[in-house]
Amino acid sequence: MRGDEAGGRNWAAVLGPVLCAAGVAGYFVVVFRLGAALPGVRDWAFPNWIVIAAGLALSAVGVRRARVRGRILARVLATISVAVTAGFAWILYVLPALPPAAGPTVGAPAPDFALSAPDGRTVRLADFRGGPLLLVFYRGHW
């Protein structure tokens, strides 16, 4: 019998939620500390997901070991791990999602608009009618 099943501590049940919380908190620390200098880190949470996955795996091991001993704390901690992970996924992938917006139909002519060119003159879309033109619109992140 292993030490944790014979009355010792169930370290997997404790370390799992700690890793999940560290993965989530680490993402926000990096984004808030390095986000201005490295804007790509905001959209790249892969290393954090690895830490969170390790935490969830350890939580599952902790729950399995707790069943042998009949303890409930591991289940509570595993539930916290799953809740923290679900909240993190919601903040990253659901919260910033934009609702679909109605736009012009495909093939419809673009409405005329005017913009300032870098040299200060006003350029209108109508100035380019009759010739080839490529318009590129960026949604951007802000």
Protein backbone atom coordinates (compact mmCIF):
# COMPACT_ATOMS: atom_id res chain seq x y z
CA MET A 1 0.00 0.00 0.00
CA ARG A 2 1.29 3.46 -0.87
CA GLY A 3 1.84 6.01 1.85
CA ASP A 4 -1.00 8.25 0.73
CA GLU A 5 -3.46 5.35 0.79
CA ALA A 6 -2.28 4.10 4.14
CA GLY A 7 -3.09 7.33 5.97
CA GLY A 8 -0.62 9.80 4.49
CA ARG A 9 -1.50 12.91 2.53
CA ASN A 10 -3.14 12.80 -0.88
CA TRP A 11 -0.71 15.20 -2.53
CA ALA A 12 -2.24 14.76 -5.98
CA ALA A 13 -5.55 16.14 -4.68
CA VAL A 14 -3.78 19.21 -3.29
CA LEU A 15 -1.28 19.81 -6.09
CA GLY A 16 -3.91 19.52 -8.86
CA PRO A 17 -5.90 22.65 -7.90
CA VAL A 18 -2.63 24.50 -7.18
CA LEU A 19 -1.41 23.79 -10.72
CA CYS A 20 -4.77 24.83 -12.21
CA ALA A 21 -4.72 28.08 -10.27
CA ALA A 22 -1.05 28.68 -11.20
CA GLY A 23 -1.81 28.14 -14.89
CA VAL A 24 -4.68 30.64 -14.81
CA ALA A 25 -2.88 33.22 -12.65
CA GLY A 26 0.32 32.82 -14.68
CA TYR A 27 -1.53 33.73 -17.86
CA PHE A 28 -2.79 36.99 -16.40
CA VAL A 29 0.57 37.86 -14.83
CA VAL A 30 2.31 37.41 -18.18
CA VAL A 31 -0.38 39.33 -20.09
CA PHE A 32 -0.42 42.26 -17.67
CA ARG A 33 3.38 42.40 -17.27
CA LEU A 34 4.48 41.66 -20.84
CA GLY A 35 1.32 42.37 -22.86
CA ALA A 36 2.41 45.83 -24.00
CA ALA A 37 5.86 44.67 -25.10
CA LEU A 38 4.69 41.31 -26.50
CA PRO A 39 1.06 41.65 -27.65
CA GLY A 40 1.04 38.11 -29.04
CA VAL A 41 1.15 36.55 -25.55
CA ARG A 42 -2.49 37.51 -25.00
CA ASP A 43 -3.63 35.21 -27.79
CA TRP A 44 -1.25 32.35 -26.97
CA ALA A 45 -2.25 30.53 -23.79
CA PHE A 46 -0.87 27.13 -24.84
CA PRO A 47 1.78 26.90 -22.07
CA ASN A 48 -0.86 27.76 -19.49
CA TRP A 49 -3.19 25.07 -20.83
CA ILE A 50 -0.39 22.52 -20.39
CA VAL A 51 -0.04 23.48 -16.71
CA ILE A 52 -3.83 23.44 -16.28
CA ALA A 53 -4.10 20.00 -17.96
CA ALA A 54 -1.44 18.66 -15.59
CA GLY A 55 -3.45 20.09 -12.69
CA LEU A 56 -6.65 18.45 -13.90
CA ALA A 57 -4.85 15.13 -14.33
CA LEU A 58 -3.46 15.32 -10.80
CA SER A 59 -6.92 16.22 -9.50
CA ALA A 60 -8.31 13.11 -11.18
CA VAL A 61 -5.57 11.00 -9.58
CA GLY A 62 -6.39 12.59 -6.23
CA VAL A 63 -10.08 11.75 -6.59
CA ARG A 64 -9.21 8.16 -7.47
CA ARG A 65 -6.97 7.83 -4.44
CA ALA A 66 -9.59 9.47 -2.22
CA ARG A 67 -12.16 6.86 -3.22
CA VAL A 68 -9.91 4.20 -1.76
CA ARG A 69 -9.84 6.08 1.54
CA GLY A 70 -13.42 7.38 1.44
CA ARG A 71 -12.45 11.05 1.71
CA ILE A 72 -14.45 13.89 0.17
CA LEU A 73 -11.88 16.71 0.23
CA ALA A 74 -10.23 15.51 -2.98
CA ARG A 75 -13.57 15.65 -4.78
CA VAL A 76 -14.16 19.18 -3.56
CA LEU A 77 -10.69 20.26 -4.68
CA ALA A 78 -11.14 18.57 -8.07
CA THR A 79 -14.46 20.39 -8.50
CA ILE A 80 -12.66 23.66 -7.76
CA SER A 81 -10.04 22.76 -10.38
CA VAL A 82 -12.70 22.13 -13.01
CA ALA A 83 -14.54 25.34 -12.08
CA VAL A 84 -11.35 27.43 -12.30
CA THR A 85 -10.53 25.86 -15.67
CA ALA A 86 -14.04 26.45 -17.00
CA GLY A 87 -13.93 30.07 -15.83
CA PHE A 88 -10.57 30.57 -17.52
CA ALA A 89 -11.89 29.12 -20.79
CA TRP A 90 -14.97 31.34 -20.54
CA ILE A 91 -12.85 34.47 -20.00
CA LEU A 92 -10.54 33.62 -22.91
CA TYR A 93 -12.93 32.27 -25.52
CA VAL A 94 -16.55 33.20 -24.72
CA LEU A 95 -16.42 36.62 -23.08
CA PRO A 96 -14.54 38.45 -25.87
CA ALA A 97 -16.60 36.87 -28.68
CA LEU A 98 -18.43 39.46 -30.70
CA PRO A 99 -22.02 38.85 -31.73
CA PRO A 100 -22.57 38.56 -35.47
CA ALA A 101 -23.32 41.88 -37.11
CA ALA A 102 -25.43 42.39 -40.19
CA GLY A 103 -23.41 43.57 -43.15
CA PRO A 104 -23.94 44.30 -46.79
CA THR A 105 -24.89 41.45 -49.05
CA VAL A 106 -22.24 39.88 -51.23
CA GLY A 107 -22.02 41.66 -54.57
CA ALA A 108 -23.74 44.85 -53.39
CA PRO A 109 -21.88 48.06 -54.24
CA ALA A 110 -19.99 49.59 -51.33
CA PRO A 111 -21.40 52.85 -50.00
CA ASP A 112 -19.30 55.91 -50.75
CA PHE A 113 -17.03 57.12 -47.95
CA ALA A 114 -14.15 59.55 -47.53
CA LEU A 115 -10.87 59.13 -45.63
CA SER A 116 -7.82 61.29 -45.05
CA ALA A 117 -4.72 60.14 -46.91
CA PRO A 118 -1.29 60.27 -45.20
CA ASP A 119 -0.46 63.41 -47.18
CA GLY A 120 -3.55 65.20 -45.81
CA ARG A 121 -5.80 65.15 -48.89
CA THR A 122 -9.29 63.63 -48.76
CA VAL A 123 -9.80 60.47 -50.77
CA ARG A 124 -13.27 59.20 -51.63
CA LEU A 125 -14.23 55.73 -52.73
CA ALA A 126 -15.99 57.22 -55.76
CA ASP A 127 -12.56 58.46 -56.99
CA PHE A 128 -11.67 54.84 -57.81
CA ARG A 129 -14.88 53.79 -59.61
CA GLY A 130 -14.27 52.10 -62.93
CA GLY A 131 -10.81 50.75 -62.05
CA PRO A 132 -9.54 47.84 -60.00
CA LEU A 133 -9.50 48.44 -56.26
CA LEU A 134 -8.81 46.24 -53.27
CA LEU A 135 -10.25 47.29 -49.90
CA VAL A 136 -9.00 45.57 -46.77
CA PHE A 137 -10.70 46.13 -43.44
CA TYR A 138 -9.08 45.00 -40.19
CA ARG A 139 -11.18 44.32 -37.14
CA GLY A 140 -8.12 44.50 -34.91
CA HIS A 141 -7.80 43.91 -31.17
CA TRP A 142 -8.30 46.68 -28.69
